[in-house]
């Protein structure tokens, strides 16, 4: 089992201290992932910036959750699936959506299912998408902007999912009740 150091404000590199202080203010704690990423101030900055940018896309709370959790589940991230389950609850996303994503069962809403399908196509095929797959996504009500926004969300999730795999980041206390295993 691999582990990486989880920093707090006192142990973090100087360039990361302010970023961790911001995390503390925003979340009332320093998420374990942020503590791990603090070893590289640039990576923590990139992660926080990508997160902020992704939350400002055209996606609503349900759609953000679909993209995040489809990727988290596909990457089998023991840390991010519970964390985003808790985040979805805070965003008031219907529990049925979260459970379908966690259990890899079809979403009732056809548009959200099309979003999950396209997200997984992009992840599994490393960005190789056919015109037919794009056309099906567009027919569901999405467009080119949303294809690119999925890639933005994927960029954020690659940082977190891969870091958590290598670090074996413990699930933060507020999310432990949402523990998940593929």
N, C-alpha and C. Protein backbone atom coordinates (compact mmCIF):
# COMPACT_ATOMS: atom_id res chain seq x y z
N UNK A 1 0.85 -1.18 0.00
CA UNK A 1 0.00 0.00 0.00
C UNK A 1 0.89 1.24 0.00
N UNK A 2 0.61 2.15 -0.90
CA UNK A 2 1.39 3.38 -0.98
C UNK A 2 0.73 4.48 -0.18
N UNK A 3 1.53 5.41 0.27
CA UNK A 3 1.00 6.58 0.95
C UNK A 3 1.86 7.79 0.60
N UNK A 4 1.28 8.93 0.65
CA UNK A 4 1.98 10.20 0.52
C UNK A 4 1.62 11.02 1.76
N UNK A 5 2.47 11.97 2.09
CA UNK A 5 2.25 12.81 3.27
C UNK A 5 1.00 13.65 3.11
N UNK A 6 0.25 13.78 4.18
CA UNK A 6 -0.91 14.66 4.23
C UNK A 6 -0.51 15.86 5.09
N UNK A 7 -0.37 16.99 4.44
CA UNK A 7 0.07 18.21 5.14
C UNK A 7 -1.08 18.92 5.84
N UNK A 8 -0.71 19.66 6.87
CA UNK A 8 -1.59 20.65 7.46
C UNK A 8 -0.93 22.00 7.21
N UNK A 9 -1.53 23.06 7.71
CA UNK A 9 -0.99 24.40 7.44
C UNK A 9 0.44 24.54 7.97
N UNK A 10 0.74 23.94 9.10
CA UNK A 10 2.07 24.07 9.69
C UNK A 10 3.13 23.30 8.91
N UNK A 11 2.80 22.13 8.37
CA UNK A 11 3.81 21.28 7.72
C UNK A 11 3.92 21.52 6.21
N UNK A 12 2.98 22.24 5.65
CA UNK A 12 2.95 22.43 4.19
C UNK A 12 4.09 23.33 3.73
N UNK A 13 4.53 23.13 2.49
CA UNK A 13 5.47 24.07 1.91
C UNK A 13 4.88 25.48 1.95
N UNK A 14 5.73 26.47 2.07
CA UNK A 14 5.29 27.86 2.23
C UNK A 14 4.26 28.27 1.18
N UNK A 15 4.50 27.89 -0.09
CA UNK A 15 3.59 28.28 -1.18
C UNK A 15 2.20 27.65 -1.05
N UNK A 16 2.09 26.58 -0.27
CA UNK A 16 0.80 25.90 -0.12
C UNK A 16 0.01 26.37 1.10
N UNK A 17 0.66 27.04 2.02
CA UNK A 17 0.00 27.42 3.28
C UNK A 17 -1.27 28.25 3.04
N UNK A 18 -1.20 29.25 2.20
CA UNK A 18 -2.36 30.09 1.92
C UNK A 18 -3.47 29.31 1.24
N UNK A 19 -3.10 28.36 0.37
CA UNK A 19 -4.09 27.53 -0.31
C UNK A 19 -4.83 26.65 0.69
N UNK A 20 -4.07 26.10 1.66
CA UNK A 20 -4.71 25.28 2.69
C UNK A 20 -5.57 26.13 3.62
N UNK A 21 -5.14 27.35 3.90
CA UNK A 21 -5.97 28.26 4.70
C UNK A 21 -7.29 28.53 3.99
N UNK A 22 -7.23 28.70 2.67
CA UNK A 22 -8.46 28.90 1.88
C UNK A 22 -9.36 27.67 1.97
N UNK A 23 -8.76 26.47 1.90
CA UNK A 23 -9.54 25.23 2.02
C UNK A 23 -10.21 25.17 3.39
N UNK A 24 -9.45 25.51 4.42
CA UNK A 24 -9.99 25.51 5.78
C UNK A 24 -11.20 26.43 5.89
N UNK A 25 -11.09 27.63 5.31
CA UNK A 25 -12.20 28.59 5.34
C UNK A 25 -13.39 28.09 4.54
N UNK A 26 -13.13 27.51 3.38
CA UNK A 26 -14.21 27.07 2.49
C UNK A 26 -14.95 25.84 3.01
N UNK A 27 -14.21 24.91 3.62
CA UNK A 27 -14.80 23.62 4.00
C UNK A 27 -14.91 23.41 5.50
N UNK A 28 -14.35 24.32 6.29
CA UNK A 28 -14.35 24.13 7.73
C UNK A 28 -13.34 23.08 8.17
N UNK A 29 -12.54 22.62 7.24
CA UNK A 29 -11.49 21.61 7.49
C UNK A 29 -10.58 21.64 6.27
N UNK A 30 -9.48 20.95 6.37
CA UNK A 30 -8.62 20.77 5.19
C UNK A 30 -8.88 19.36 4.68
N UNK A 31 -9.55 19.23 3.53
CA UNK A 31 -9.77 17.89 2.99
C UNK A 31 -8.44 17.16 2.81
N UNK A 32 -8.44 15.87 3.11
CA UNK A 32 -7.22 15.08 2.99
C UNK A 32 -6.56 15.22 1.63
N UNK A 33 -7.36 15.24 0.57
CA UNK A 33 -6.81 15.41 -0.77
C UNK A 33 -6.00 16.69 -0.87
N UNK A 34 -6.52 17.79 -0.34
CA UNK A 34 -5.82 19.07 -0.38
C UNK A 34 -4.51 18.98 0.40
N UNK A 35 -4.56 18.27 1.54
CA UNK A 35 -3.35 18.08 2.33
C UNK A 35 -2.28 17.31 1.57
N UNK A 36 -2.68 16.32 0.80
CA UNK A 36 -1.73 15.57 -0.02
C UNK A 36 -1.19 16.44 -1.13
N UNK A 37 -2.09 17.12 -1.84
CA UNK A 37 -1.68 17.96 -2.97
C UNK A 37 -0.77 19.10 -2.54
N UNK A 38 -0.82 19.47 -1.27
CA UNK A 38 0.00 20.59 -0.78
C UNK A 38 1.49 20.34 -0.95
N UNK A 39 1.91 19.09 -1.08
CA UNK A 39 3.33 18.81 -1.33
C UNK A 39 3.81 19.47 -2.61
N UNK A 40 2.89 19.70 -3.53
CA UNK A 40 3.20 20.41 -4.78
C UNK A 40 2.25 21.60 -4.88
N UNK A 41 2.71 22.78 -4.50
CA UNK A 41 1.83 23.95 -4.56
C UNK A 41 1.21 24.16 -5.95
N UNK A 42 1.95 23.84 -6.98
CA UNK A 42 1.43 24.02 -8.33
C UNK A 42 0.28 23.05 -8.61
N UNK A 43 0.41 21.81 -8.12
CA UNK A 43 -0.66 20.84 -8.35
C UNK A 43 -1.90 21.20 -7.53
N UNK A 44 -1.71 21.63 -6.30
CA UNK A 44 -2.85 22.07 -5.48
C UNK A 44 -3.52 23.28 -6.13
N UNK A 45 -2.74 24.21 -6.62
CA UNK A 45 -3.30 25.38 -7.32
C UNK A 45 -4.08 24.94 -8.55
N UNK A 46 -3.50 24.04 -9.33
CA UNK A 46 -4.18 23.56 -10.54
C UNK A 46 -5.49 22.89 -10.18
N UNK A 47 -5.47 22.03 -9.17
CA UNK A 47 -6.69 21.32 -8.77
C UNK A 47 -7.77 22.30 -8.33
N UNK A 48 -7.41 23.24 -7.46
CA UNK A 48 -8.40 24.19 -6.96
C UNK A 48 -8.93 25.08 -8.09
N UNK A 49 -8.06 25.46 -9.01
CA UNK A 49 -8.47 26.29 -10.14
C UNK A 49 -9.40 25.52 -11.06
N UNK A 50 -9.05 24.28 -11.38
CA UNK A 50 -9.92 23.46 -12.24
C UNK A 50 -11.27 23.24 -11.58
N UNK A 51 -11.28 23.01 -10.27
CA UNK A 51 -12.55 22.83 -9.56
C UNK A 51 -13.41 24.08 -9.70
N UNK A 52 -12.82 25.22 -9.44
CA UNK A 52 -13.58 26.47 -9.54
C UNK A 52 -14.10 26.69 -10.96
N UNK A 53 -13.26 26.46 -11.94
CA UNK A 53 -13.68 26.64 -13.33
C UNK A 53 -14.80 25.67 -13.70
N UNK A 54 -14.68 24.41 -13.28
CA UNK A 54 -15.69 23.42 -13.64
C UNK A 54 -17.04 23.76 -13.01
N UNK A 55 -17.03 24.29 -11.80
CA UNK A 55 -18.31 24.64 -11.16
C UNK A 55 -18.95 25.86 -11.82
N UNK A 56 -18.22 26.57 -12.67
CA UNK A 56 -18.76 27.73 -13.38
C UNK A 56 -19.13 27.41 -14.83
N UNK A 57 -19.16 26.13 -15.19
CA UNK A 57 -19.54 25.74 -16.54
C UNK A 57 -21.05 25.86 -16.71
N UNK A 58 -21.53 25.43 -17.86
CA UNK A 58 -22.97 25.47 -18.14
C UNK A 58 -23.74 24.39 -17.40
N UNK A 59 -23.03 23.47 -16.74
CA UNK A 59 -23.71 22.37 -16.05
C UNK A 59 -24.35 22.83 -14.74
N UNK A 60 -25.55 22.30 -14.47
CA UNK A 60 -26.20 22.55 -13.19
C UNK A 60 -25.66 21.54 -12.16
N UNK A 61 -26.17 21.58 -10.94
CA UNK A 61 -25.66 20.73 -9.87
C UNK A 61 -25.79 19.25 -10.19
N UNK A 62 -26.92 18.86 -10.77
CA UNK A 62 -27.09 17.45 -11.14
C UNK A 62 -26.07 17.03 -12.19
N UNK A 63 -25.87 17.89 -13.19
CA UNK A 63 -24.95 17.55 -14.27
C UNK A 63 -23.50 17.53 -13.79
N UNK A 64 -23.13 18.47 -12.92
CA UNK A 64 -21.79 18.44 -12.32
C UNK A 64 -21.59 17.11 -11.61
N UNK A 65 -22.59 16.70 -10.83
CA UNK A 65 -22.51 15.44 -10.09
C UNK A 65 -22.37 14.26 -11.03
N UNK A 66 -23.11 14.25 -12.13
CA UNK A 66 -23.03 13.15 -13.09
C UNK A 66 -21.61 13.04 -13.64
N UNK A 67 -21.04 14.14 -14.06
CA UNK A 67 -19.69 14.10 -14.63
C UNK A 67 -18.69 13.66 -13.56
N UNK A 68 -18.70 14.32 -12.41
CA UNK A 68 -17.76 13.96 -11.34
C UNK A 68 -17.87 12.49 -10.96
N UNK A 69 -19.10 12.04 -10.65
CA UNK A 69 -19.25 10.68 -10.13
C UNK A 69 -19.06 9.62 -11.20
N UNK A 70 -19.44 9.90 -12.44
CA UNK A 70 -19.19 8.91 -13.50
C UNK A 70 -17.69 8.64 -13.59
N UNK A 71 -16.90 9.70 -13.51
CA UNK A 71 -15.45 9.57 -13.58
C UNK A 71 -14.91 8.91 -12.31
N UNK A 72 -15.36 9.37 -11.16
CA UNK A 72 -14.90 8.79 -9.89
C UNK A 72 -15.14 7.29 -9.83
N UNK A 73 -16.34 6.87 -10.23
CA UNK A 73 -16.69 5.45 -10.20
C UNK A 73 -15.87 4.69 -11.24
N UNK A 74 -15.75 5.23 -12.43
CA UNK A 74 -14.96 4.56 -13.47
C UNK A 74 -13.51 4.39 -13.03
N UNK A 75 -12.97 5.40 -12.35
CA UNK A 75 -11.60 5.32 -11.86
C UNK A 75 -11.50 4.59 -10.52
N UNK A 76 -12.63 4.15 -9.98
CA UNK A 76 -12.68 3.43 -8.70
C UNK A 76 -11.97 4.20 -7.59
N UNK A 77 -12.32 5.46 -7.43
CA UNK A 77 -11.67 6.31 -6.41
C UNK A 77 -12.38 6.16 -5.07
N UNK A 78 -11.71 5.48 -4.15
CA UNK A 78 -12.27 5.21 -2.81
C UNK A 78 -12.53 6.50 -2.03
N UNK A 79 -11.83 7.56 -2.36
CA UNK A 79 -11.95 8.84 -1.64
C UNK A 79 -13.00 9.74 -2.29
N UNK A 80 -12.94 9.89 -3.61
CA UNK A 80 -13.81 10.86 -4.28
C UNK A 80 -15.27 10.43 -4.37
N UNK A 81 -15.54 9.14 -4.48
CA UNK A 81 -16.95 8.73 -4.54
C UNK A 81 -17.67 9.12 -3.25
N UNK A 82 -17.15 8.80 -2.06
CA UNK A 82 -17.83 9.25 -0.85
C UNK A 82 -17.87 10.78 -0.72
N UNK A 83 -16.76 11.43 -1.08
CA UNK A 83 -16.72 12.90 -0.96
C UNK A 83 -17.79 13.53 -1.85
N UNK A 84 -17.89 13.07 -3.09
CA UNK A 84 -18.88 13.66 -3.99
C UNK A 84 -20.30 13.21 -3.68
N UNK A 85 -20.45 12.12 -2.96
CA UNK A 85 -21.78 11.76 -2.45
C UNK A 85 -22.22 12.82 -1.44
N UNK A 86 -21.32 13.17 -0.53
CA UNK A 86 -21.62 14.21 0.44
C UNK A 86 -21.83 15.57 -0.20
N UNK A 87 -21.00 15.89 -1.18
CA UNK A 87 -21.13 17.16 -1.90
C UNK A 87 -22.48 17.22 -2.62
N UNK A 88 -22.88 16.11 -3.25
CA UNK A 88 -24.18 16.06 -3.94
C UNK A 88 -25.32 16.31 -2.95
N UNK A 89 -25.21 15.74 -1.76
CA UNK A 89 -26.24 15.99 -0.74
C UNK A 89 -26.27 17.47 -0.37
N UNK A 90 -25.10 18.08 -0.22
CA UNK A 90 -25.04 19.51 0.11
C UNK A 90 -25.63 20.36 -1.01
N UNK A 91 -25.48 19.89 -2.26
CA UNK A 91 -26.02 20.62 -3.41
C UNK A 91 -27.49 20.27 -3.65
N UNK A 92 -28.05 19.41 -2.81
CA UNK A 92 -29.46 18.99 -2.89
C UNK A 92 -29.77 18.23 -4.17
N UNK A 93 -28.80 17.44 -4.65
CA UNK A 93 -29.01 16.55 -5.79
C UNK A 93 -29.82 15.36 -5.30
N UNK A 94 -30.78 14.94 -6.08
CA UNK A 94 -31.64 13.80 -5.74
C UNK A 94 -30.78 12.58 -5.42
N UNK A 95 -31.06 11.94 -4.28
CA UNK A 95 -30.31 10.75 -3.88
C UNK A 95 -30.40 9.63 -4.92
N UNK A 96 -31.48 9.56 -5.67
CA UNK A 96 -31.62 8.51 -6.70
C UNK A 96 -30.55 8.67 -7.77
N UNK A 97 -30.20 9.91 -8.10
CA UNK A 97 -29.13 10.15 -9.08
C UNK A 97 -27.81 9.65 -8.52
N UNK A 98 -27.52 10.04 -7.30
CA UNK A 98 -26.26 9.63 -6.67
C UNK A 98 -26.17 8.11 -6.57
N UNK A 99 -27.25 7.46 -6.17
CA UNK A 99 -27.22 6.00 -6.03
C UNK A 99 -27.03 5.31 -7.38
N UNK A 100 -27.68 5.82 -8.41
CA UNK A 100 -27.49 5.23 -9.75
C UNK A 100 -26.04 5.37 -10.19
N UNK A 101 -25.45 6.51 -9.93
CA UNK A 101 -24.05 6.73 -10.31
C UNK A 101 -23.12 5.81 -9.52
N UNK A 102 -23.34 5.72 -8.22
CA UNK A 102 -22.49 4.88 -7.37
C UNK A 102 -22.62 3.40 -7.74
N UNK A 103 -23.82 2.99 -8.14
CA UNK A 103 -24.10 1.58 -8.44
C UNK A 103 -24.00 1.24 -9.92
N UNK A 104 -23.69 2.24 -10.74
CA UNK A 104 -23.55 2.06 -12.18
C UNK A 104 -24.82 1.50 -12.83
N UNK A 105 -25.96 2.02 -12.39
CA UNK A 105 -27.23 1.66 -12.99
C UNK A 105 -27.73 2.87 -13.79
N UNK A 106 -28.54 2.64 -14.82
CA UNK A 106 -28.99 3.76 -15.67
C UNK A 106 -29.73 4.83 -14.88
N UNK A 107 -29.47 6.06 -15.26
CA UNK A 107 -30.19 7.19 -14.68
C UNK A 107 -31.57 7.28 -15.31
N UNK A 108 -32.57 7.63 -14.51
CA UNK A 108 -33.94 7.74 -15.03
C UNK A 108 -34.08 8.85 -16.05
N UNK A 109 -33.38 9.95 -15.84
CA UNK A 109 -33.45 11.09 -16.75
C UNK A 109 -32.58 10.83 -17.98
N UNK A 110 -33.21 10.78 -19.16
CA UNK A 110 -32.50 10.43 -20.39
C UNK A 110 -31.37 11.41 -20.72
N UNK A 111 -31.58 12.67 -20.44
CA UNK A 111 -30.54 13.66 -20.73
C UNK A 111 -29.33 13.44 -19.82
N UNK A 112 -29.58 13.20 -18.53
CA UNK A 112 -28.47 12.94 -17.62
C UNK A 112 -27.76 11.64 -17.97
N UNK A 113 -28.52 10.65 -18.41
CA UNK A 113 -27.90 9.38 -18.84
C UNK A 113 -27.03 9.60 -20.07
N UNK A 114 -27.46 10.47 -20.99
CA UNK A 114 -26.64 10.80 -22.16
C UNK A 114 -25.35 11.49 -21.73
N UNK A 115 -25.43 12.32 -20.70
CA UNK A 115 -24.23 12.99 -20.18
C UNK A 115 -23.29 11.97 -19.57
N UNK A 116 -23.82 11.04 -18.79
CA UNK A 116 -22.97 10.00 -18.21
C UNK A 116 -22.34 9.16 -19.30
N UNK A 117 -23.13 8.80 -20.29
CA UNK A 117 -22.62 7.97 -21.39
C UNK A 117 -21.47 8.67 -22.11
N UNK A 118 -21.65 9.94 -22.44
CA UNK A 118 -20.59 10.68 -23.14
C UNK A 118 -19.35 10.82 -22.26
N UNK A 119 -19.55 11.09 -20.98
CA UNK A 119 -18.42 11.19 -20.05
C UNK A 119 -17.62 9.89 -20.06
N UNK A 120 -18.31 8.77 -19.97
CA UNK A 120 -17.63 7.48 -19.94
C UNK A 120 -16.96 7.15 -21.27
N UNK A 121 -17.58 7.53 -22.38
CA UNK A 121 -16.95 7.33 -23.69
C UNK A 121 -15.63 8.09 -23.74
N UNK A 122 -15.65 9.34 -23.30
CA UNK A 122 -14.43 10.16 -23.32
C UNK A 122 -13.36 9.54 -22.42
N UNK A 123 -13.74 9.11 -21.22
CA UNK A 123 -12.78 8.52 -20.29
C UNK A 123 -12.23 7.21 -20.84
N UNK A 124 -13.11 6.31 -21.20
CA UNK A 124 -12.69 4.96 -21.61
C UNK A 124 -11.91 4.96 -22.92
N UNK A 125 -12.26 5.86 -23.81
CA UNK A 125 -11.62 5.89 -25.13
C UNK A 125 -10.55 6.96 -25.23
N UNK A 126 -10.21 7.56 -24.10
CA UNK A 126 -9.16 8.59 -24.04
C UNK A 126 -9.38 9.70 -25.07
N UNK A 127 -10.63 10.11 -25.17
CA UNK A 127 -10.97 11.23 -26.04
C UNK A 127 -11.31 10.86 -27.47
N UNK A 128 -11.21 9.60 -27.81
CA UNK A 128 -11.60 9.18 -29.16
C UNK A 128 -13.10 8.94 -29.18
N UNK A 129 -13.82 9.85 -29.85
CA UNK A 129 -15.28 9.82 -29.88
C UNK A 129 -15.71 9.85 -31.34
N UNK A 130 -16.65 9.00 -31.68
CA UNK A 130 -17.13 8.96 -33.07
C UNK A 130 -18.16 10.06 -33.31
N UNK A 131 -18.38 10.37 -34.56
CA UNK A 131 -19.40 11.36 -34.91
C UNK A 131 -20.78 10.89 -34.47
N UNK A 132 -21.04 9.59 -34.57
CA UNK A 132 -22.33 9.04 -34.15
C UNK A 132 -22.54 9.25 -32.65
N UNK A 133 -21.47 9.06 -31.87
CA UNK A 133 -21.58 9.26 -30.42
C UNK A 133 -21.81 10.74 -30.11
N UNK A 134 -21.12 11.62 -30.82
CA UNK A 134 -21.36 13.06 -30.63
C UNK A 134 -22.80 13.42 -31.02
N UNK A 135 -23.26 12.88 -32.14
CA UNK A 135 -24.62 13.19 -32.60
C UNK A 135 -25.66 12.76 -31.57
N UNK A 136 -25.46 11.60 -30.94
CA UNK A 136 -26.39 11.12 -29.92
C UNK A 136 -26.38 12.07 -28.71
N UNK A 137 -25.19 12.54 -28.34
CA UNK A 137 -25.06 13.48 -27.23
C UNK A 137 -25.76 14.80 -27.57
N UNK A 138 -25.56 15.27 -28.78
CA UNK A 138 -26.21 16.52 -29.21
C UNK A 138 -27.73 16.35 -29.27
N UNK A 139 -28.19 15.19 -29.69
CA UNK A 139 -29.63 14.93 -29.78
C UNK A 139 -30.28 14.96 -28.39
N UNK A 140 -29.49 14.68 -27.35
CA UNK A 140 -30.01 14.71 -25.98
C UNK A 140 -30.12 16.14 -25.44
N UNK A 141 -29.61 17.12 -26.19
CA UNK A 141 -29.74 18.50 -25.77
C UNK A 141 -28.44 19.18 -25.38
N UNK A 142 -27.33 18.51 -25.61
CA UNK A 142 -26.03 19.10 -25.31
C UNK A 142 -25.35 19.55 -26.60
N UNK A 143 -24.22 20.24 -26.45
CA UNK A 143 -23.50 20.74 -27.61
C UNK A 143 -22.00 20.64 -27.43
N UNK A 144 -21.29 21.28 -28.34
CA UNK A 144 -19.83 21.25 -28.31
C UNK A 144 -19.28 21.81 -27.00
N UNK A 145 -19.90 22.86 -26.48
CA UNK A 145 -19.44 23.45 -25.22
C UNK A 145 -19.40 22.40 -24.12
N UNK A 146 -20.44 21.58 -24.04
CA UNK A 146 -20.52 20.59 -22.98
C UNK A 146 -19.49 19.46 -23.18
N UNK A 147 -19.16 19.13 -24.42
CA UNK A 147 -18.10 18.14 -24.66
C UNK A 147 -16.80 18.66 -24.04
N UNK A 148 -16.50 19.92 -24.30
CA UNK A 148 -15.26 20.50 -23.78
C UNK A 148 -15.31 20.65 -22.26
N UNK A 149 -16.50 20.92 -21.72
CA UNK A 149 -16.64 21.03 -20.27
C UNK A 149 -16.46 19.67 -19.58
N UNK A 150 -16.88 18.60 -20.23
CA UNK A 150 -16.61 17.26 -19.68
C UNK A 150 -15.09 17.07 -19.56
N UNK A 151 -14.37 17.49 -20.59
CA UNK A 151 -12.91 17.35 -20.57
C UNK A 151 -12.30 18.17 -19.44
N UNK A 152 -12.85 19.33 -19.17
CA UNK A 152 -12.40 20.15 -18.04
C UNK A 152 -12.62 19.39 -16.73
N UNK A 153 -13.82 18.83 -16.55
CA UNK A 153 -14.12 18.06 -15.35
C UNK A 153 -13.21 16.84 -15.22
N UNK A 154 -12.94 16.20 -16.34
CA UNK A 154 -12.04 15.04 -16.34
C UNK A 154 -10.64 15.46 -15.91
N UNK A 155 -10.20 16.61 -16.36
CA UNK A 155 -8.87 17.10 -15.95
C UNK A 155 -8.78 17.23 -14.44
N UNK A 156 -9.82 17.78 -13.84
CA UNK A 156 -9.85 17.90 -12.38
C UNK A 156 -9.84 16.52 -11.73
N UNK A 157 -10.64 15.62 -12.23
CA UNK A 157 -10.78 14.30 -11.61
C UNK A 157 -9.53 13.44 -11.80
N UNK A 158 -8.81 13.61 -12.89
CA UNK A 158 -7.56 12.85 -13.04
C UNK A 158 -6.60 13.24 -11.92
N UNK A 159 -6.50 14.53 -11.62
CA UNK A 159 -5.62 14.95 -10.54
C UNK A 159 -6.06 14.31 -9.22
N UNK A 160 -7.33 14.40 -8.90
CA UNK A 160 -7.77 13.89 -7.60
C UNK A 160 -7.78 12.36 -7.55
N UNK A 161 -8.35 11.71 -8.55
CA UNK A 161 -8.45 10.25 -8.51
C UNK A 161 -7.08 9.59 -8.49
N UNK A 162 -6.19 10.02 -9.35
CA UNK A 162 -4.86 9.41 -9.41
C UNK A 162 -4.07 9.69 -8.14
N UNK A 163 -4.18 10.92 -7.63
CA UNK A 163 -3.49 11.25 -6.38
C UNK A 163 -4.00 10.36 -5.25
N UNK A 164 -5.31 10.19 -5.16
CA UNK A 164 -5.86 9.37 -4.08
C UNK A 164 -5.48 7.91 -4.20
N UNK A 165 -5.34 7.42 -5.42
CA UNK A 165 -4.88 6.03 -5.60
C UNK A 165 -3.45 5.87 -5.07
N UNK A 166 -2.58 6.81 -5.44
CA UNK A 166 -1.18 6.73 -5.03
C UNK A 166 -1.03 7.00 -3.53
N UNK A 167 -1.75 8.00 -3.03
CA UNK A 167 -1.62 8.41 -1.62
C UNK A 167 -2.41 7.52 -0.67
N UNK A 168 -3.38 6.79 -1.20
CA UNK A 168 -4.30 6.03 -0.35
C UNK A 168 -4.91 6.97 0.70
N UNK A 169 -5.36 8.12 0.22
CA UNK A 169 -5.89 9.18 1.08
C UNK A 169 -7.07 8.65 1.91
N UNK A 170 -7.01 8.78 3.23
CA UNK A 170 -8.16 8.36 4.05
C UNK A 170 -9.37 9.25 3.75
N UNK A 171 -10.55 8.64 3.75
CA UNK A 171 -11.79 9.39 3.53
C UNK A 171 -11.99 10.32 4.73
N UNK A 172 -12.30 11.58 4.43
CA UNK A 172 -12.51 12.57 5.49
C UNK A 172 -13.73 12.19 6.34
N UNK A 173 -13.65 12.51 7.62
CA UNK A 173 -14.70 12.15 8.59
C UNK A 173 -16.11 12.48 8.11
N UNK A 174 -16.37 13.69 7.55
CA UNK A 174 -17.75 13.99 7.16
C UNK A 174 -18.31 13.07 6.05
N UNK A 175 -17.41 12.35 5.36
CA UNK A 175 -17.86 11.54 4.24
C UNK A 175 -17.73 10.03 4.50
N UNK A 176 -17.26 9.65 5.67
CA UNK A 176 -17.04 8.23 5.96
C UNK A 176 -18.33 7.42 5.92
N UNK A 177 -19.45 8.04 6.23
CA UNK A 177 -20.72 7.30 6.18
C UNK A 177 -21.14 6.97 4.74
N UNK A 178 -20.47 7.58 3.76
CA UNK A 178 -20.76 7.32 2.36
C UNK A 178 -19.70 6.43 1.72
N UNK A 179 -18.98 5.68 2.54
CA UNK A 179 -17.91 4.81 2.05
C UNK A 179 -18.39 4.00 0.85
N UNK A 180 -17.46 3.72 -0.06
CA UNK A 180 -17.83 3.06 -1.32
C UNK A 180 -16.65 2.23 -1.78
N UNK A 181 -16.98 1.11 -2.40
CA UNK A 181 -15.96 0.25 -3.01
C UNK A 181 -16.53 -0.29 -4.30
N UNK A 182 -15.74 -0.31 -5.35
CA UNK A 182 -16.21 -0.81 -6.65
C UNK A 182 -16.39 -2.30 -6.59
